[in-house]
Amino acid sequence: MYKTGIFLISILLLSGALPAKSTLDTVKSDKIEENQKAHPFTLVTVKRRYKSLKKIRTINKDKKIFLIFFTTSCKYCSKERGKIIEMAKKDLNIIPVFIAVRNPKDETITEFTSSLKEIIKNENITYDIYMDLYSAVAKFYDVKKGTSISVPKLFIIDSNTGNVIKTISGYEKNLEEIYENLKQKN
């Protein structure tokens, strides 16, 4: 029975009915820039719920989505998370979407998940944290290049159009000011 299953899978792979490689392995990273569509994704949260960017946009019409990529070991990421949460408390038009990027060479999935639960507990985070377990979404957003991960990285997305309206790489002390300037332009 086992040999028959292997044989059938081999035939399907050879015939092209199934991709030989994951589609995530074959897609090239196109740098997401301002005024471009945000790359769609579906990720699992720490609470084991799947959510897509499309669903987040649909639920939060007329709002700005703050898509922030971080790693569990980044101290600047923690500062930026705190700043964004404070901004979201003051301005209900800000929707924080936190994406934790796991670097497979640094931590196992179990270690990664445990670290995220600890972060949620210590920082009292009530928002969902999405897990990019294999850095696939990070590659699309040009957060991961080769083996290096550049975090924190923030994308402000208009929920109505799905366009990235601002990209910020690295820790930004003047995030509130940047956001206020964005609001005045729109």
C-alpha atoms as a PDB file:
ATOM      1  CA  MET A   1       0.000   0.000   0.000  1.00  0.00           C
ATOM      2  CA  TYR A   2       2.829   2.402   0.917  1.00  0.00           C
ATOM      3  CA  LYS A   3       4.688   1.700  -2.350  1.00  0.00           C
ATOM      4  CA  THR A   4       1.495   2.251  -4.348  1.00  0.00           C
ATOM      5  CA  GLY A   5       0.987   5.662  -2.725  1.00  0.00           C
ATOM      6  CA  ILE A   6       4.582   6.687  -3.433  1.00  0.00           C
ATOM      7  CA  PHE A   7       4.187   5.516  -7.030  1.00  0.00           C
ATOM      8  CA  LEU A   8       0.980   7.559  -7.532  1.00  0.00           C
ATOM      9  CA  ILE A   9       2.524  10.693  -6.041  1.00  0.00           C
ATOM     10  CA  SER A  10       5.578  10.245  -8.284  1.00  0.00           C
ATOM     11  CA  ILE A  11       3.341   9.961 -11.356  1.00  0.00           C
ATOM     12  CA  LEU A  12       1.410  13.101 -10.358  1.00  0.00           C
ATOM     13  CA  LEU A  13       4.622  15.054  -9.804  1.00  0.00           C
ATOM     14  CA  LEU A  14       6.058  13.943 -13.124  1.00  0.00           C
ATOM     15  CA  SER A  15       2.835  14.745 -14.977  1.00  0.00           C
ATOM     16  CA  GLY A  16       2.751  18.258 -13.535  1.00  0.00           C
ATOM     17  CA  ALA A  17      -0.548  17.735 -11.716  1.00  0.00           C
ATOM     18  CA  LEU A  18       1.143  18.673  -8.446  1.00  0.00           C
ATOM     19  CA  PRO A  19       3.849  21.279  -8.090  1.00  0.00           C
ATOM     20  CA  ALA A  20       7.236  19.681  -7.471  1.00  0.00           C
ATOM     21  CA  LYS A  21       8.183  22.597  -5.229  1.00  0.00           C
ATOM     22  CA  SER A  22       6.082  24.776  -3.017  1.00  0.00           C
ATOM     23  CA  THR A  23       4.807  27.845  -4.862  1.00  0.00           C
ATOM     24  CA  LEU A  24       6.344  29.919  -2.073  1.00  0.00           C
ATOM     25  CA  ASP A  25       9.764  28.539  -3.034  1.00  0.00           C
ATOM     26  CA  THR A  26       9.413  29.593  -6.660  1.00  0.00           C
ATOM     27  CA  VAL A  27       7.952  33.092  -6.251  1.00  0.00           C
ATOM     28  CA  LYS A  28      10.418  35.921  -6.504  1.00  0.00           C
ATOM     29  CA  SER A  29      10.366  38.709  -3.959  1.00  0.00           C
ATOM     30  CA  ASP A  30       9.073  41.938  -5.461  1.00  0.00           C
ATOM     31  CA  LYS A  31       9.754  44.853  -3.185  1.00  0.00           C
ATOM     32  CA  ILE A  32       6.496  46.278  -1.866  1.00  0.00           C
ATOM     33  CA  GLU A  33       6.629  50.049  -2.089  1.00  0.00           C
ATOM     34  CA  GLU A  34       4.316  52.948  -1.411  1.00  0.00           C
ATOM     35  CA  ASN A  35       1.276  53.252  -3.702  1.00  0.00           C
ATOM     36  CA  GLN A  36       1.406  49.547  -4.573  1.00  0.00           C
ATOM     37  CA  LYS A  37      -1.096  46.912  -3.555  1.00  0.00           C
ATOM     38  CA  ALA A  38      -0.190  45.195  -0.315  1.00  0.00           C
ATOM     39  CA  HIS A  39       0.632  41.548  -0.873  1.00  0.00           C
ATOM     40  CA  PRO A  40      -2.262  39.339   0.275  1.00  0.00           C
ATOM     41  CA  PHE A  41      -1.556  36.708   2.884  1.00  0.00           C
ATOM     42  CA  THR A  42      -3.258  34.256   5.181  1.00  0.00           C
ATOM     43  CA  LEU A  43      -1.481  33.447   8.420  1.00  0.00           C
ATOM     44  CA  VAL A  44      -2.268  31.662  11.648  1.00  0.00           C
ATOM     45  CA  THR A  45      -2.417  33.590  14.903  1.00  0.00           C
ATOM     46  CA  VAL A  46      -0.890  32.492  18.192  1.00  0.00           C
ATOM     47  CA  LYS A  47      -4.461  31.554  19.180  1.00  0.00           C
ATOM     48  CA  ARG A  48      -4.542  29.142  16.196  1.00  0.00           C
ATOM     49  CA  ARG A  49      -6.987  31.130  14.040  1.00  0.00           C
ATOM     50  CA  TYR A  50      -6.342  31.742  10.363  1.00  0.00           C
ATOM     51  CA  LYS A  51      -6.915  35.238   9.026  1.00  0.00           C
ATOM     52  CA  SER A  52      -6.184  36.882   5.717  1.00  0.00           C
ATOM     53  CA  LEU A  53      -5.262  40.464   4.934  1.00  0.00           C
ATOM     54  CA  LYS A  54      -8.406  40.588   2.788  1.00  0.00           C
ATOM     55  CA  LYS A  55     -10.585  39.716   5.790  1.00  0.00           C
ATOM     56  CA  ILE A  56      -8.760  42.235   8.005  1.00  0.00           C
ATOM     57  CA  ARG A  57      -9.366  44.930   5.359  1.00  0.00           C
ATOM     58  CA  THR A  58     -13.032  43.969   4.969  1.00  0.00           C
ATOM     59  CA  ILE A  59     -13.700  44.115   8.719  1.00  0.00           C
ATOM     60  CA  ASN A  60     -11.868  47.435   9.120  1.00  0.00           C
ATOM     61  CA  LYS A  61     -13.179  49.609   6.272  1.00  0.00           C
ATOM     62  CA  ASP A  62     -12.055  53.262   6.263  1.00  0.00           C
ATOM     63  CA  LYS A  63      -9.159  52.526   8.635  1.00  0.00           C
ATOM     64  CA  LYS A  64      -5.390  52.411   8.376  1.00  0.00           C
ATOM     65  CA  ILE A  65      -3.788  49.017   8.909  1.00  0.00           C
ATOM     66  CA  PHE A  66      -0.396  49.150  10.596  1.00  0.00           C
ATOM     67  CA  LEU A  67       1.299  45.980   9.411  1.00  0.00           C
ATOM     68  CA  ILE A  68       4.425  45.529  11.526  1.00  0.00           C
ATOM     69  CA  PHE A  69       6.956  42.759  11.101  1.00  0.00           C
ATOM     70  CA  PHE A  70       9.080  41.772  14.092  1.00  0.00           C
ATOM     71  CA  THR A  71      11.184  38.980  15.549  1.00  0.00           C
ATOM     72  CA  THR A  72      10.994  37.649  19.082  1.00  0.00           C
ATOM     73  CA  SER A  73      14.527  38.791  19.941  1.00  0.00           C
ATOM     74  CA  CYS A  74      14.325  42.373  18.629  1.00  0.00           C
ATOM     75  CA  LYS A  75      14.283  44.997  21.412  1.00  0.00           C
ATOM     76  CA  TYR A  76      13.407  47.829  18.988  1.00  0.00           C
ATOM     77  CA  CYS A  77      10.444  45.796  17.765  1.00  0.00           C
ATOM     78  CA  SER A  78       9.108  45.725  21.326  1.00  0.00           C
ATOM     79  CA  LYS A  79       9.379  49.523  21.569  1.00  0.00           C
ATOM     80  CA  GLU A  80       7.610  49.976  18.238  1.00  0.00           C
ATOM     81  CA  ARG A  81       4.830  47.523  19.199  1.00  0.00           C
ATOM     82  CA  GLY A  82       4.216  49.507  22.373  1.00  0.00           C
ATOM     83  CA  LYS A  83       4.141  52.785  20.470  1.00  0.00           C
ATOM     84  CA  ILE A  84       1.674  51.437  17.890  1.00  0.00           C
ATOM     85  CA  ILE A  85      -0.593  50.009  20.587  1.00  0.00           C
ATOM     86  CA  GLU A  86      -0.650  53.405  22.344  1.00  0.00           C
ATOM     87  CA  MET A  87      -1.439  55.140  19.046  1.00  0.00           C
ATOM     88  CA  ALA A  88      -4.267  52.658  18.362  1.00  0.00           C
ATOM     89  CA  LYS A  89      -5.770  53.377  21.791  1.00  0.00           C
ATOM     90  CA  LYS A  90      -5.870  57.108  20.968  1.00  0.00           C
ATOM     91  CA  ASP A  91      -6.957  56.765  17.332  1.00  0.00           C
ATOM     92  CA  LEU A  92      -9.538  54.085  16.587  1.00  0.00           C
ATOM     93  CA  ASN A  93      -8.745  54.374  12.865  1.00  0.00           C
ATOM     94  CA  ILE A  94      -5.450  52.533  13.450  1.00  0.00           C
ATOM     95  CA  ILE A  95      -5.587  48.748  13.263  1.00  0.00           C
ATOM     96  CA  PRO A  96      -2.351  47.079  14.427  1.00  0.00           C
ATOM     97  CA  VAL A  97      -1.492  43.822  12.667  1.00  0.00           C
ATOM     98  CA  PHE A  98       1.614  42.247  14.184  1.00  0.00           C
ATOM     99  CA  ILE A  99       3.476  39.625  12.152  1.00  0.00           C
ATOM    100  CA  ALA A 100       6.129  37.670  14.000  1.00  0.00           C
ATOM    101  CA  VAL A 101       8.796  36.362  11.640  1.00  0.00           C
ATOM    102  CA  ARG A 102      10.541  33.152  12.649  1.00  0.00           C
ATOM    103  CA  ASN A 103      14.039  32.563  11.447  1.00  0.00           C
ATOM    104  CA  PRO A 104      14.240  28.751  11.182  1.00  0.00           C
ATOM    105  CA  LYS A 105      17.986  28.733  11.845  1.00  0.00           C
ATOM    106  CA  ASP A 106      17.515  30.546  15.184  1.00  0.00           C
ATOM    107  CA  GLU A 107      14.488  28.893  16.786  1.00  0.00           C
ATOM    108  CA  THR A 108      12.172  25.928  16.456  1.00  0.00           C
ATOM    109  CA  ILE A 109       8.435  26.407  16.025  1.00  0.00           C
ATOM    110  CA  THR A 110       7.911  25.384  19.658  1.00  0.00           C
ATOM    111  CA  GLU A 111      10.482  27.910  20.915  1.00  0.00           C
ATOM    112  CA  PHE A 112       9.009  30.583  18.631  1.00  0.00           C
ATOM    113  CA  THR A 113       5.452  29.990  19.844  1.00  0.00           C
ATOM    114  CA  SER A 114       6.574  29.977  23.495  1.00  0.00           C
ATOM    115  CA  SER A 115       8.452  33.258  22.998  1.00  0.00           C
ATOM    116  CA  LEU A 116       5.376  34.848  21.424  1.00  0.00           C
ATOM    117  CA  LYS A 117       3.139  33.744  24.280  1.00  0.00           C
ATOM    118  CA  GLU A 118       5.639  35.260  26.709  1.00  0.00           C
ATOM    119  CA  ILE A 119       5.676  38.542  24.747  1.00  0.00           C
ATOM    120  CA  ILE A 120       1.868  38.669  24.744  1.00  0.00           C
ATOM    121  CA  LYS A 121       1.803  38.084  28.494  1.00  0.00           C
ATOM    122  CA  ASN A 122       4.632  40.504  29.401  1.00  0.00           C
ATOM    123  CA  GLU A 123       3.469  43.316  27.119  1.00  0.00           C
ATOM    124  CA  ASN A 124      -0.241  42.687  27.799  1.00  0.00           C
ATOM    125  CA  ILE A 125      -1.035  42.565  24.076  1.00  0.00           C
ATOM    126  CA  THR A 126      -4.714  42.093  23.266  1.00  0.00           C
ATOM    127  CA  TYR A 127      -4.287  42.186  19.478  1.00  0.00           C
ATOM    128  CA  ASP A 128      -3.731  39.077  17.376  1.00  0.00           C
ATOM    129  CA  ILE A 129      -0.150  38.199  16.594  1.00  0.00           C
ATOM    130  CA  TYR A 130       0.248  36.413  13.282  1.00  0.00           C
ATOM    131  CA  MET A 131       3.002  33.836  12.881  1.00  0.00           C
ATOM    132  CA  ASP A 132       5.129  33.796   9.744  1.00  0.00           C
ATOM    133  CA  LEU A 133       6.601  30.398  10.572  1.00  0.00           C
ATOM    134  CA  TYR A 134       8.691  30.002   7.430  1.00  0.00           C
ATOM    135  CA  SER A 135       9.344  33.693   6.612  1.00  0.00           C
ATOM    136  CA  ALA A 136       7.270  33.403   3.424  1.00  0.00           C
ATOM    137  CA  VAL A 137       5.248  36.586   3.933  1.00  0.00           C
ATOM    138  CA  ALA A 138       8.384  38.411   5.108  1.00  0.00           C
ATOM    139  CA  LYS A 139      10.004  37.580   1.756  1.00  0.00           C
ATOM    140  CA  PHE A 140       7.125  39.125  -0.177  1.00  0.00           C
ATOM    141  CA  TYR A 141       7.367  42.312   1.881  1.00  0.00           C
ATOM    142  CA  ASP A 142      11.156  42.409   1.461  1.00  0.00           C
ATOM    143  CA  VAL A 143      11.645  41.972   5.219  1.00  0.00           C
ATOM    144  CA  LYS A 144      13.682  38.806   4.716  1.00  0.00           C
ATOM    145  CA  LYS A 145      16.464  38.710   2.158  1.00  0.00           C
ATOM    146  CA  GLY A 146      18.485  35.522   2.087  1.00  0.00           C
ATOM    147  CA  THR A 147      19.223  34.706   5.714  1.00  0.00           C
ATOM    148  CA  SER A 148      18.873  38.250   7.048  1.00  0.00           C
ATOM    149  CA  ILE A 149      15.668  39.669   8.511  1.00  0.00           C
ATOM    150  CA  SER A 150      15.308  43.469   8.698  1.00  0.00           C
ATOM    151  CA  VAL A 151      12.955  44.399  11.527  1.00  0.00           C
ATOM    152  CA  PRO A 152      11.057  46.274  12.713  1.00  0.00           C
ATOM    153  CA  LYS A 153       9.454  47.079   9.398  1.00  0.00           C
ATOM    154  CA  LEU A 154       6.115  48.824   9.189  1.00  0.00           C
ATOM    155  CA  PHE A 155       3.672  49.136   6.304  1.00  0.00           C
ATOM    156  CA  ILE A 156       0.694  51.463   6.631  1.00  0.00           C
ATOM    157  CA  ILE A 157      -2.078  50.170   4.390  1.00  0.00           C
ATOM    158  CA  ASP A 158      -5.312  51.874   3.368  1.00  0.00           C
ATOM    159  CA  SER A 159      -8.037  49.330   4.108  1.00  0.00           C
ATOM    160  CA  ASN A 160     -10.276  50.589   1.293  1.00  0.00           C
ATOM    161  CA  THR A 161      -7.791  50.447  -1.581  1.00  0.00           C
ATOM    162  CA  GLY A 162      -5.402  47.846  -0.209  1.00  0.00           C
ATOM    163  CA  ASN A 163      -2.497  50.105  -1.166  1.00  0.00           C
ATOM    164  CA  VAL A 164       0.592  50.654   0.937  1.00  0.00           C
ATOM    165  CA  ILE A 165       0.601  54.359   1.762  1.00  0.00           C
ATOM    166  CA  LYS A 166       3.769  54.416   3.864  1.00  0.00           C
ATOM    167  CA  THR A 167       6.732  52.129   4.508  1.00  0.00           C
ATOM    168  CA  ILE A 168       9.032  52.586   7.495  1.00  0.00           C
ATOM    169  CA  SER A 169      12.160  50.494   7.970  1.00  0.00           C
ATOM    170  CA  GLY A 170      13.756  50.327  11.405  1.00  0.00           C
ATOM    171  CA  TYR A 171      12.655  51.837  14.678  1.00  0.00           C
ATOM    172  CA  GLU A 172      10.993  55.222  14.191  1.00  0.00           C
ATOM    173  CA  LYS A 173      10.891  57.605  17.158  1.00  0.00           C
ATOM    174  CA  ASN A 174       8.583  60.074  15.390  1.00  0.00           C
ATOM    175  CA  LEU A 175       5.907  57.591  14.318  1.00  0.00           C
ATOM    176  CA  GLU A 176       3.051  59.727  15.654  1.00  0.00           C
ATOM    177  CA  GLU A 177       4.260  62.736  13.673  1.00  0.00           C
ATOM    178  CA  ILE A 178       4.621  60.700  10.482  1.00  0.00           C
ATOM    179  CA  TYR A 179       1.091  59.364  10.900  1.00  0.00           C
ATOM    180  CA  GLU A 180      -0.326  62.853  11.554  1.00  0.00           C
ATOM    181  CA  ASN A 181       1.309  64.085   8.332  1.00  0.00           C
ATOM    182  CA  LEU A 182      -0.279  61.168   6.459  1.00  0.00           C
ATOM    183  CA  LYS A 183      -3.717  62.036   7.843  1.00  0.00           C
ATOM    184  CA  GLN A 184      -3.332  65.675   6.737  1.00  0.00           C
ATOM    185  CA  LYS A 185      -2.459  64.606   3.175  1.00  0.00           C
ATOM    186  CA  ASN A 186      -5.592  62.449   2.865  1.00  0.00           C
END
